Structures are given as C-alpha cells and as structure tokens.
Amino acid sequence: MALPAPAQAADYVGESILRSRLTNECLDGNFAGDVYTLPCSARETNAHQIWRPLLQLRSGPNGPTYDIVALQNKATKRCLEFVYSGNRVRTTSECDSATTALDPEWYAQGTGWSNVVFYQWRGNPSRKWALFTDVTRAVYPAVSGGYQNEHWKFGW
C-alpha cells in the first residue's frame, strides 16, 4: 500500500467503489447487513456501492506492506465484517473489534488500491482468509491462494 501524505492521513484514501477484478461488479450492502456484488452504478449515484477504508493500523516501514482497515459503507454507515460462526461476510454497526465473534478489521495488501486483497487470519496463522466474490454475486471469506476473485479495485 502506498502511504498517504501526512495531510491526507486524516481522510486516508477517501471513499469510492470496490470493484471485483474477476466480475467487474461492485461490492454492495444493505441496511439488513447483507453483502453482495451488483453491476456498478453510474458514478456517485448509489451510496450503497461506496466504501470508505478507515485506517486502524499502518504497517511499519521495515515490516510487511499492509494496512489494517475497516471498510465502511457510505449509505448504511455499517462496516464489513467476517462472522466466524457460519463463515460468512456481512456488515455491522460496530466498526471496531470489540466483540469476539465479529471482526470488521481487514488487512489490505496489494500493489496499490487498484489491485488490493482484503484478508484476515483465522485460527491457523499460515492461512489467510480473503474477501472473495464470484459470478453468482455472493461475497464470502475463503482461503487466499492468489485467485482473481479475491482481488479488488478501489476506485472508478
């Protein structure tokens, strides 16, 4: 991840769509907490497809290159979470990791925000659980393996 300049750190990277690099569809969510992908709406016309990465932790200059973020939906103000029971992804009104069964913090790693993987560690530290999607428009966690359906583009 490229680090923002100090003046931009408060807003981090702003808000935009998260587009699947596999399907070219946008991450979307509703007030009930459901998460899915849909065809991307015209720019700035669908707040349910706009997400804001909220910086939780930045990796050090000599460590691995990732940031830890919460992904907040513009329309619902809810954050994307990995629900360990049931192995699923949804949104929650809690944008911190205060509860143990939910985790709204994601490692963001990639070659910049145009090709980023969001993942979490679950149980086994050698396995990354990435945010996946597929042609059925489902969004779910799955073990990372460099697959195209775990890559996202932040931005139009």
N, C-alpha and C. Protein backbone atom coordinates (compact mmCIF):
# COMPACT_ATOMS: atom_id res chain seq x y z
N MET A 1 0.83 -1.17 0.00
CA MET A 1 0.00 0.00 0.00
C MET A 1 0.87 1.23 0.00
N ALA A 2 0.57 2.17 -0.81
CA ALA A 2 1.26 3.45 -0.78
C ALA A 2 0.73 4.25 0.40
N LEU A 3 1.62 4.82 1.15
CA LEU A 3 1.21 5.57 2.32
C LEU A 3 0.76 6.96 1.91
N PRO A 4 -0.37 7.44 2.47
CA PRO A 4 -0.81 8.78 2.13
C PRO A 4 0.12 9.82 2.75
N ALA A 5 0.14 10.99 2.15
CA ALA A 5 0.91 12.09 2.72
C ALA A 5 0.30 12.49 4.05
N PRO A 6 1.09 13.05 4.98
CA PRO A 6 0.56 13.40 6.30
C PRO A 6 -0.71 14.23 6.26
N ALA A 7 -0.83 15.16 5.32
CA ALA A 7 -2.04 15.99 5.25
C ALA A 7 -3.26 15.16 4.87
N GLN A 8 -3.06 14.05 4.16
CA GLN A 8 -4.17 13.21 3.74
C GLN A 8 -4.48 12.10 4.73
N ALA A 9 -3.65 11.93 5.74
CA ALA A 9 -3.80 10.80 6.65
C ALA A 9 -5.13 10.81 7.37
N ALA A 10 -5.66 11.99 7.69
CA ALA A 10 -6.93 12.06 8.41
C ALA A 10 -8.05 11.45 7.58
N ASP A 11 -8.04 11.68 6.27
CA ASP A 11 -9.07 11.11 5.40
C ASP A 11 -8.59 9.81 4.76
N TYR A 12 -7.36 9.44 4.99
CA TYR A 12 -6.74 8.23 4.47
C TYR A 12 -6.82 8.20 2.95
N VAL A 13 -7.69 7.38 2.35
CA VAL A 13 -7.77 7.30 0.89
C VAL A 13 -9.11 7.76 0.34
N GLY A 14 -9.98 8.29 1.19
CA GLY A 14 -11.28 8.78 0.72
C GLY A 14 -12.30 7.66 0.59
N GLU A 15 -13.27 7.87 -0.29
CA GLU A 15 -14.32 6.88 -0.49
C GLU A 15 -14.52 6.65 -1.98
N SER A 16 -14.88 5.41 -2.32
CA SER A 16 -15.09 5.06 -3.72
C SER A 16 -15.73 3.67 -3.77
N ILE A 17 -15.89 3.17 -4.98
CA ILE A 17 -16.41 1.81 -5.16
C ILE A 17 -15.30 0.80 -4.91
N LEU A 18 -15.69 -0.43 -4.59
CA LEU A 18 -14.79 -1.58 -4.57
C LEU A 18 -15.28 -2.52 -5.67
N ARG A 19 -14.50 -2.61 -6.73
CA ARG A 19 -14.89 -3.38 -7.90
C ARG A 19 -14.12 -4.70 -7.93
N SER A 20 -14.84 -5.81 -8.11
CA SER A 20 -14.20 -7.11 -8.23
C SER A 20 -13.37 -7.15 -9.50
N ARG A 21 -12.12 -7.61 -9.38
CA ARG A 21 -11.27 -7.74 -10.56
C ARG A 21 -11.69 -8.95 -11.39
N LEU A 22 -12.47 -9.87 -10.81
CA LEU A 22 -12.96 -11.04 -11.55
C LEU A 22 -14.22 -10.70 -12.34
N THR A 23 -15.22 -10.15 -11.67
CA THR A 23 -16.54 -9.96 -12.30
C THR A 23 -16.76 -8.54 -12.80
N ASN A 24 -15.94 -7.60 -12.37
CA ASN A 24 -16.09 -6.19 -12.71
C ASN A 24 -17.35 -5.59 -12.08
N GLU A 25 -17.94 -6.28 -11.10
CA GLU A 25 -19.10 -5.76 -10.38
C GLU A 25 -18.65 -5.12 -9.07
N CYS A 26 -19.56 -4.34 -8.48
CA CYS A 26 -19.22 -3.56 -7.29
C CYS A 26 -19.75 -4.19 -6.01
N LEU A 27 -18.95 -4.09 -4.95
CA LEU A 27 -19.38 -4.52 -3.62
C LEU A 27 -20.53 -3.61 -3.19
N ASP A 28 -21.59 -4.22 -2.69
CA ASP A 28 -22.82 -3.51 -2.34
C ASP A 28 -23.30 -4.06 -1.01
N GLY A 29 -24.06 -3.28 -0.27
CA GLY A 29 -24.60 -3.74 1.00
C GLY A 29 -25.90 -3.03 1.32
N ASN A 30 -26.72 -3.66 2.17
CA ASN A 30 -27.99 -3.04 2.54
C ASN A 30 -28.07 -2.83 4.05
N PHE A 31 -29.16 -2.21 4.50
CA PHE A 31 -29.33 -1.90 5.92
C PHE A 31 -29.51 -3.16 6.77
N ALA A 32 -29.88 -4.29 6.16
CA ALA A 32 -30.05 -5.55 6.90
C ALA A 32 -28.71 -6.23 7.16
N GLY A 33 -27.63 -5.73 6.58
CA GLY A 33 -26.32 -6.33 6.79
C GLY A 33 -25.88 -7.27 5.68
N ASP A 34 -26.72 -7.47 4.67
CA ASP A 34 -26.36 -8.35 3.56
C ASP A 34 -25.30 -7.69 2.69
N VAL A 35 -24.39 -8.50 2.17
CA VAL A 35 -23.31 -8.02 1.30
C VAL A 35 -23.29 -8.89 0.05
N TYR A 36 -23.10 -8.26 -1.10
CA TYR A 36 -23.16 -8.95 -2.40
C TYR A 36 -22.51 -8.03 -3.42
N THR A 37 -22.39 -8.49 -4.66
CA THR A 37 -21.95 -7.60 -5.73
C THR A 37 -23.10 -7.41 -6.70
N LEU A 38 -23.10 -6.25 -7.34
CA LEU A 38 -24.08 -5.90 -8.37
C LEU A 38 -23.36 -5.12 -9.46
N PRO A 39 -23.98 -5.00 -10.65
CA PRO A 39 -23.36 -4.13 -11.64
C PRO A 39 -23.14 -2.74 -11.05
N CYS A 40 -22.02 -2.15 -11.37
CA CYS A 40 -21.68 -0.84 -10.80
C CYS A 40 -22.62 0.23 -11.35
N SER A 41 -23.13 1.04 -10.45
CA SER A 41 -24.00 2.16 -10.83
C SER A 41 -23.15 3.29 -11.40
N ALA A 42 -23.81 4.23 -12.05
CA ALA A 42 -23.11 5.41 -12.55
C ALA A 42 -22.44 6.13 -11.38
N ARG A 43 -21.35 6.78 -11.65
CA ARG A 43 -20.56 7.45 -10.61
C ARG A 43 -21.44 8.31 -9.70
N GLU A 44 -21.27 8.09 -8.39
CA GLU A 44 -21.92 8.87 -7.33
C GLU A 44 -23.45 8.77 -7.31
N THR A 45 -24.03 7.71 -7.89
CA THR A 45 -25.50 7.59 -7.89
C THR A 45 -26.01 6.53 -6.91
N ASN A 46 -25.13 5.71 -6.35
CA ASN A 46 -25.57 4.64 -5.46
C ASN A 46 -24.65 4.58 -4.25
N ALA A 47 -25.07 5.19 -3.16
CA ALA A 47 -24.24 5.25 -1.95
C ALA A 47 -24.02 3.87 -1.34
N HIS A 48 -24.85 2.87 -1.69
CA HIS A 48 -24.68 1.51 -1.18
C HIS A 48 -23.45 0.84 -1.79
N GLN A 49 -22.92 1.40 -2.88
CA GLN A 49 -21.72 0.85 -3.51
C GLN A 49 -20.47 1.67 -3.21
N ILE A 50 -20.59 2.65 -2.34
CA ILE A 50 -19.45 3.48 -1.98
C ILE A 50 -18.93 3.04 -0.61
N TRP A 51 -17.62 2.81 -0.53
CA TRP A 51 -16.98 2.33 0.70
C TRP A 51 -15.85 3.27 1.09
N ARG A 52 -15.63 3.41 2.38
CA ARG A 52 -14.55 4.24 2.91
C ARG A 52 -13.65 3.36 3.79
N PRO A 53 -12.41 3.13 3.37
CA PRO A 53 -11.47 2.43 4.25
C PRO A 53 -11.10 3.34 5.43
N LEU A 54 -11.33 2.85 6.64
CA LEU A 54 -10.99 3.58 7.86
C LEU A 54 -9.71 2.98 8.40
N LEU A 55 -8.65 3.74 8.40
CA LEU A 55 -7.35 3.23 8.82
C LEU A 55 -7.36 2.89 10.31
N GLN A 56 -7.00 1.64 10.63
CA GLN A 56 -6.89 1.19 12.01
C GLN A 56 -5.43 1.08 12.43
N LEU A 57 -4.58 0.62 11.51
CA LEU A 57 -3.16 0.43 11.80
C LEU A 57 -2.38 0.42 10.49
N ARG A 58 -1.26 1.09 10.48
CA ARG A 58 -0.39 1.11 9.31
C ARG A 58 0.84 0.27 9.61
N SER A 59 1.26 -0.56 8.66
CA SER A 59 2.45 -1.38 8.88
C SER A 59 3.69 -0.50 8.90
N GLY A 60 4.72 -1.02 9.55
CA GLY A 60 5.96 -0.26 9.68
C GLY A 60 6.75 -0.25 8.39
N PRO A 61 7.72 0.66 8.27
CA PRO A 61 8.49 0.77 7.03
C PRO A 61 9.37 -0.45 6.75
N ASN A 62 9.74 -1.21 7.78
CA ASN A 62 10.60 -2.37 7.59
C ASN A 62 9.84 -3.69 7.68
N GLY A 63 8.54 -3.62 7.88
CA GLY A 63 7.73 -4.83 8.02
C GLY A 63 6.99 -5.14 6.74
N PRO A 64 6.01 -6.03 6.83
CA PRO A 64 5.20 -6.36 5.66
C PRO A 64 4.42 -5.13 5.19
N THR A 65 4.08 -5.10 3.93
CA THR A 65 3.40 -3.94 3.36
C THR A 65 1.89 -4.15 3.35
N TYR A 66 1.27 -3.78 4.42
CA TYR A 66 -0.19 -3.82 4.50
C TYR A 66 -0.65 -2.75 5.47
N ASP A 67 -1.91 -2.40 5.35
CA ASP A 67 -2.58 -1.56 6.34
C ASP A 67 -3.74 -2.38 6.88
N ILE A 68 -4.16 -2.07 8.09
CA ILE A 68 -5.37 -2.70 8.64
C ILE A 68 -6.46 -1.64 8.59
N VAL A 69 -7.57 -1.99 7.95
CA VAL A 69 -8.66 -1.04 7.74
C VAL A 69 -9.99 -1.67 8.13
N ALA A 70 -10.95 -0.81 8.45
CA ALA A 70 -12.35 -1.20 8.50
C ALA A 70 -12.96 -0.61 7.23
N LEU A 71 -13.85 -1.34 6.58
CA LEU A 71 -14.48 -0.87 5.34
C LEU A 71 -15.91 -0.44 5.64
N GLN A 72 -16.14 0.87 5.61
CA GLN A 72 -17.45 1.41 5.99
C GLN A 72 -18.25 1.79 4.75
N ASN A 73 -19.51 1.34 4.72
CA ASN A 73 -20.42 1.65 3.62
C ASN A 73 -20.98 3.06 3.79
N LYS A 74 -21.00 3.83 2.72
CA LYS A 74 -21.45 5.22 2.79
C LYS A 74 -22.94 5.33 3.13
N ALA A 75 -23.78 4.51 2.53
CA ALA A 75 -25.23 4.61 2.73
C ALA A 75 -25.64 4.16 4.12
N THR A 76 -25.11 3.03 4.56
CA THR A 76 -25.57 2.42 5.82
C THR A 76 -24.73 2.81 7.02
N LYS A 77 -23.52 3.31 6.78
CA LYS A 77 -22.54 3.61 7.84
C LYS A 77 -22.10 2.34 8.58
N ARG A 78 -22.42 1.17 8.01
CA ARG A 78 -22.06 -0.11 8.60
C ARG A 78 -20.72 -0.57 8.03
N CYS A 79 -19.99 -1.38 8.79
CA CYS A 79 -18.67 -1.86 8.36
C CYS A 79 -18.72 -3.34 8.01
N LEU A 80 -17.94 -3.68 6.99
CA LEU A 80 -17.83 -5.05 6.53
C LEU A 80 -17.17 -5.89 7.61
N GLU A 81 -17.74 -7.06 7.91
CA GLU A 81 -17.18 -7.91 8.96
C GLU A 81 -17.13 -9.36 8.51
N PHE A 82 -16.18 -10.07 9.08
CA PHE A 82 -16.05 -11.51 8.91
C PHE A 82 -16.72 -12.13 10.13
N VAL A 83 -17.79 -12.87 9.91
CA VAL A 83 -18.51 -13.54 11.01
C VAL A 83 -17.96 -14.96 11.10
N TYR A 84 -17.23 -15.24 12.17
CA TYR A 84 -16.58 -16.54 12.30
C TYR A 84 -17.58 -17.68 12.40
N SER A 85 -18.66 -17.49 13.16
CA SER A 85 -19.67 -18.55 13.22
C SER A 85 -20.48 -18.47 11.93
N GLY A 86 -20.44 -19.51 11.17
CA GLY A 86 -21.12 -19.52 9.88
C GLY A 86 -20.22 -19.15 8.72
N ASN A 87 -18.98 -18.71 9.03
CA ASN A 87 -18.00 -18.42 7.98
C ASN A 87 -18.61 -17.56 6.87
N ARG A 88 -19.02 -16.36 7.22
CA ARG A 88 -19.66 -15.50 6.23
C ARG A 88 -19.22 -14.06 6.40
N VAL A 89 -19.60 -13.24 5.45
CA VAL A 89 -19.31 -11.81 5.46
C VAL A 89 -20.63 -11.07 5.48
N ARG A 90 -20.72 -10.02 6.28
CA ARG A 90 -21.90 -9.16 6.35
C ARG A 90 -21.43 -7.79 6.82
N THR A 91 -22.35 -6.90 7.13
CA THR A 91 -21.95 -5.63 7.72
C THR A 91 -22.52 -5.52 9.12
N THR A 92 -21.87 -4.69 9.92
CA THR A 92 -22.27 -4.47 11.30
C THR A 92 -22.21 -2.98 11.61
N SER A 93 -22.99 -2.57 12.59
CA SER A 93 -22.92 -1.17 13.01
C SER A 93 -21.69 -0.92 13.86
N GLU A 94 -21.04 -1.99 14.32
CA GLU A 94 -19.81 -1.87 15.12
C GLU A 94 -18.62 -1.80 14.17
N CYS A 95 -17.94 -0.69 14.17
CA CYS A 95 -16.78 -0.55 13.28
C CYS A 95 -15.47 -0.71 14.03
N ASP A 96 -15.50 -1.49 15.11
CA ASP A 96 -14.27 -1.85 15.81
C ASP A 96 -14.37 -3.33 16.16
N SER A 97 -13.34 -3.89 16.73
CA SER A 97 -13.33 -5.33 17.01
C SER A 97 -13.63 -5.61 18.48
N ALA A 98 -14.62 -4.93 19.03
CA ALA A 98 -14.94 -5.10 20.44
C ALA A 98 -15.58 -6.45 20.74
N THR A 99 -16.25 -7.05 19.77
CA THR A 99 -16.87 -8.35 20.00
C THR A 99 -15.98 -9.45 19.43
N THR A 100 -16.02 -10.62 20.03
CA THR A 100 -15.11 -11.69 19.63
C THR A 100 -15.61 -12.49 18.44
N ALA A 101 -16.93 -12.55 18.21
CA ALA A 101 -17.45 -13.35 17.11
C ALA A 101 -17.43 -12.60 15.79
N LEU A 102 -17.17 -11.31 15.84
CA LEU A 102 -17.18 -10.48 14.64
C LEU A 102 -15.83 -9.81 14.50
N ASP A 103 -15.41 -9.59 13.28
CA ASP A 103 -14.15 -8.89 13.08
C ASP A 103 -14.26 -7.98 11.87
N PRO A 104 -14.44 -6.67 12.11
CA PRO A 104 -14.55 -5.74 10.99
C PRO A 104 -13.22 -5.16 10.52
N GLU A 105 -12.11 -5.69 11.01
CA GLU A 105 -10.81 -5.17 10.58
C GLU A 105 -10.19 -6.12 9.55
N TRP A 106 -9.73 -5.55 8.45
CA TRP A 106 -9.18 -6.31 7.33
C TRP A 106 -7.76 -5.85 7.03
N TYR A 107 -6.88 -6.79 6.75
CA TYR A 107 -5.57 -6.46 6.21
C TYR A 107 -5.79 -6.08 4.75
N ALA A 108 -5.26 -4.97 4.34
CA ALA A 108 -5.34 -4.53 2.94
C ALA A 108 -3.93 -4.60 2.37
N GLN A 109 -3.76 -5.45 1.36
CA GLN A 109 -2.42 -5.66 0.81
C GLN A 109 -2.53 -5.77 -0.70
N GLY A 110 -1.60 -5.15 -1.40
CA GLY A 110 -1.62 -5.24 -2.85
C GLY A 110 -0.59 -4.33 -3.47
N THR A 111 -0.78 -4.10 -4.75
CA THR A 111 0.13 -3.23 -5.50
C THR A 111 -0.46 -1.84 -5.60
N GLY A 112 -1.09 -1.40 -4.54
CA GLY A 112 -1.80 -0.13 -4.53
C GLY A 112 -3.29 -0.40 -4.47
N TRP A 113 -4.07 0.64 -4.45
CA TRP A 113 -5.52 0.48 -4.29
C TRP A 113 -6.21 0.03 -5.57
N SER A 114 -5.49 -0.05 -6.69
CA SER A 114 -6.11 -0.54 -7.91
C SER A 114 -6.08 -2.07 -8.00
N ASN A 115 -5.34 -2.71 -7.10
CA ASN A 115 -5.30 -4.18 -7.05
C ASN A 115 -4.99 -4.58 -5.62
N VAL A 116 -6.03 -4.75 -4.82
CA VAL A 116 -5.87 -4.98 -3.39
C VAL A 116 -6.62 -6.24 -2.97
N VAL A 117 -6.05 -6.96 -2.02
CA VAL A 117 -6.70 -8.12 -1.40
C VAL A 117 -6.99 -7.74 0.04
N PHE A 118 -8.22 -8.00 0.49
CA PHE A 118 -8.60 -7.80 1.88
C PHE A 118 -8.66 -9.18 2.52
N TYR A 119 -7.94 -9.37 3.63
CA TYR A 119 -7.92 -10.69 4.25
C TYR A 119 -7.82 -10.58 5.76
N GLN A 120 -8.07 -11.72 6.41
CA GLN A 120 -7.92 -11.85 7.86
C GLN A 120 -7.27 -13.18 8.15
N TRP A 121 -6.67 -13.27 9.34
CA TRP A 121 -6.13 -14.53 9.83
C TRP A 121 -7.22 -15.15 10.69
N ARG A 122 -7.45 -16.43 10.54
CA ARG A 122 -8.47 -17.10 11.35
C ARG A 122 -7.92 -18.44 11.83
N GLY A 123 -7.62 -18.52 13.11
CA GLY A 123 -7.12 -19.78 13.67
C GLY A 123 -5.70 -20.08 13.25
N ASN A 124 -5.51 -20.64 12.10
CA ASN A 124 -4.21 -21.06 11.60
C ASN A 124 -3.46 -19.85 11.03
N PRO A 125 -2.34 -19.45 11.64
CA PRO A 125 -1.64 -18.26 11.18
C PRO A 125 -1.02 -18.39 9.79
N SER A 126 -0.97 -19.60 9.24
CA SER A 126 -0.41 -19.75 7.90
C SER A 126 -1.48 -19.63 6.82
N ARG A 127 -2.74 -19.43 7.22
CA ARG A 127 -3.83 -19.34 6.23
C ARG A 127 -4.49 -17.97 6.29
N LYS A 128 -4.50 -17.30 5.16
CA LYS A 128 -5.20 -16.02 5.05
C LYS A 128 -6.60 -16.28 4.51
N TRP A 129 -7.60 -15.71 5.15
CA TRP A 129 -8.98 -15.78 4.67
C TRP A 129 -9.28 -14.47 3.96
N ALA A 130 -9.46 -14.53 2.65
CA ALA A 130 -9.65 -13.33 1.84
C ALA A 130 -11.12 -13.08 1.55
N LEU A 131 -11.41 -11.83 1.22
CA LEU A 131 -12.75 -11.43 0.80
C LEU A 131 -12.92 -11.84 -0.65
N PHE A 132 -13.79 -12.83 -0.90
CA PHE A 132 -14.00 -13.40 -2.23
C PHE A 132 -15.35 -12.97 -2.79
N THR A 133 -15.46 -13.04 -4.10
CA THR A 133 -16.75 -12.96 -4.78
C THR A 133 -16.68 -13.89 -5.99
N ASP A 134 -17.84 -14.13 -6.60
CA ASP A 134 -17.87 -14.98 -7.79
C ASP A 134 -19.00 -14.54 -8.70
N VAL A 135 -19.23 -15.29 -9.77
CA VAL A 135 -20.23 -14.90 -10.76
C VAL A 135 -21.66 -15.00 -10.24
N THR A 136 -21.88 -15.63 -9.09
CA THR A 136 -23.23 -15.68 -8.51
C THR A 136 -23.54 -14.43 -7.70
N ARG A 137 -22.59 -13.51 -7.61
CA ARG A 137 -22.69 -12.25 -6.85
C ARG A 137 -22.59 -12.45 -5.34
N ALA A 138 -22.21 -13.64 -4.92
CA ALA A 138 -22.01 -13.90 -3.49
C ALA A 138 -20.69 -13.27 -3.05
N VAL A 139 -20.64 -12.85 -1.79
CA VAL A 139 -19.42 -12.34 -1.17
C VAL A 139 -19.20 -13.17 0.08
N TYR A 140 -17.99 -13.73 0.23
CA TYR A 140 -17.73 -14.68 1.30
C TYR A 140 -16.24 -14.75 1.59
N PRO A 141 -15.86 -15.27 2.77
CA PRO A 141 -14.45 -15.48 3.05
C PRO A 141 -14.01 -16.85 2.52
N ALA A 142 -12.81 -16.91 1.98
CA ALA A 142 -12.24 -18.18 1.53
C ALA A 142 -10.72 -18.09 1.66
N VAL A 143 -10.08 -19.23 1.75
CA VAL A 143 -8.63 -19.26 1.93
C VAL A 143 -7.96 -18.66 0.70
N SER A 144 -7.10 -17.69 0.95
CA SER A 144 -6.41 -16.98 -0.11
C SER A 144 -5.45 -17.91 -0.84
N GLY A 145 -5.41 -17.76 -2.15
CA GLY A 145 -4.49 -18.57 -2.94
C GLY A 145 -4.04 -17.85 -4.19
N GLY A 146 -4.18 -16.53 -4.21
CA GLY A 146 -3.79 -15.78 -5.39
C GLY A 146 -4.82 -15.82 -6.50
N TYR A 147 -6.06 -16.16 -6.17
CA TYR A 147 -7.12 -16.27 -7.16
C TYR A 147 -7.62 -14.89 -7.57
N GLN A 148 -8.09 -14.77 -8.80
CA GLN A 148 -8.59 -13.50 -9.30
C GLN A 148 -9.80 -13.01 -8.51
N ASN A 149 -10.62 -13.93 -7.97
CA ASN A 149 -11.84 -13.50 -7.28
C ASN A 149 -11.58 -12.97 -5.87
N GLU A 150 -10.33 -12.86 -5.45
CA GLU A 150 -10.03 -12.22 -4.16
C GLU A 150 -9.41 -10.84 -4.37
N HIS A 151 -9.28 -10.41 -5.60
CA HIS A 151 -8.67 -9.11 -5.91
C HIS A 151 -9.75 -8.06 -6.19
N TRP A 152 -9.53 -6.87 -5.64
CA TRP A 152 -10.49 -5.77 -5.75
C TRP A 152 -9.78 -4.52 -6.24
N LYS A 153 -10.54 -3.66 -6.88
CA LYS A 153 -10.04 -2.34 -7.28
C LYS A 153 -10.84 -1.29 -6.52
N PHE A 154 -10.14 -0.43 -5.79
CA PHE A 154 -10.77 0.68 -5.09
C PHE A 154 -10.68 1.89 -6.00
N GLY A 155 -11.81 2.33 -6.52
CA GLY A 155 -11.82 3.48 -7.41
C GLY A 155 -12.52 3.18 -8.72
N TRP A 156 -12.89 4.23 -9.40
CA TRP A 156 -13.62 4.12 -10.67
C TRP A 156 -12.65 3.73 -11.75
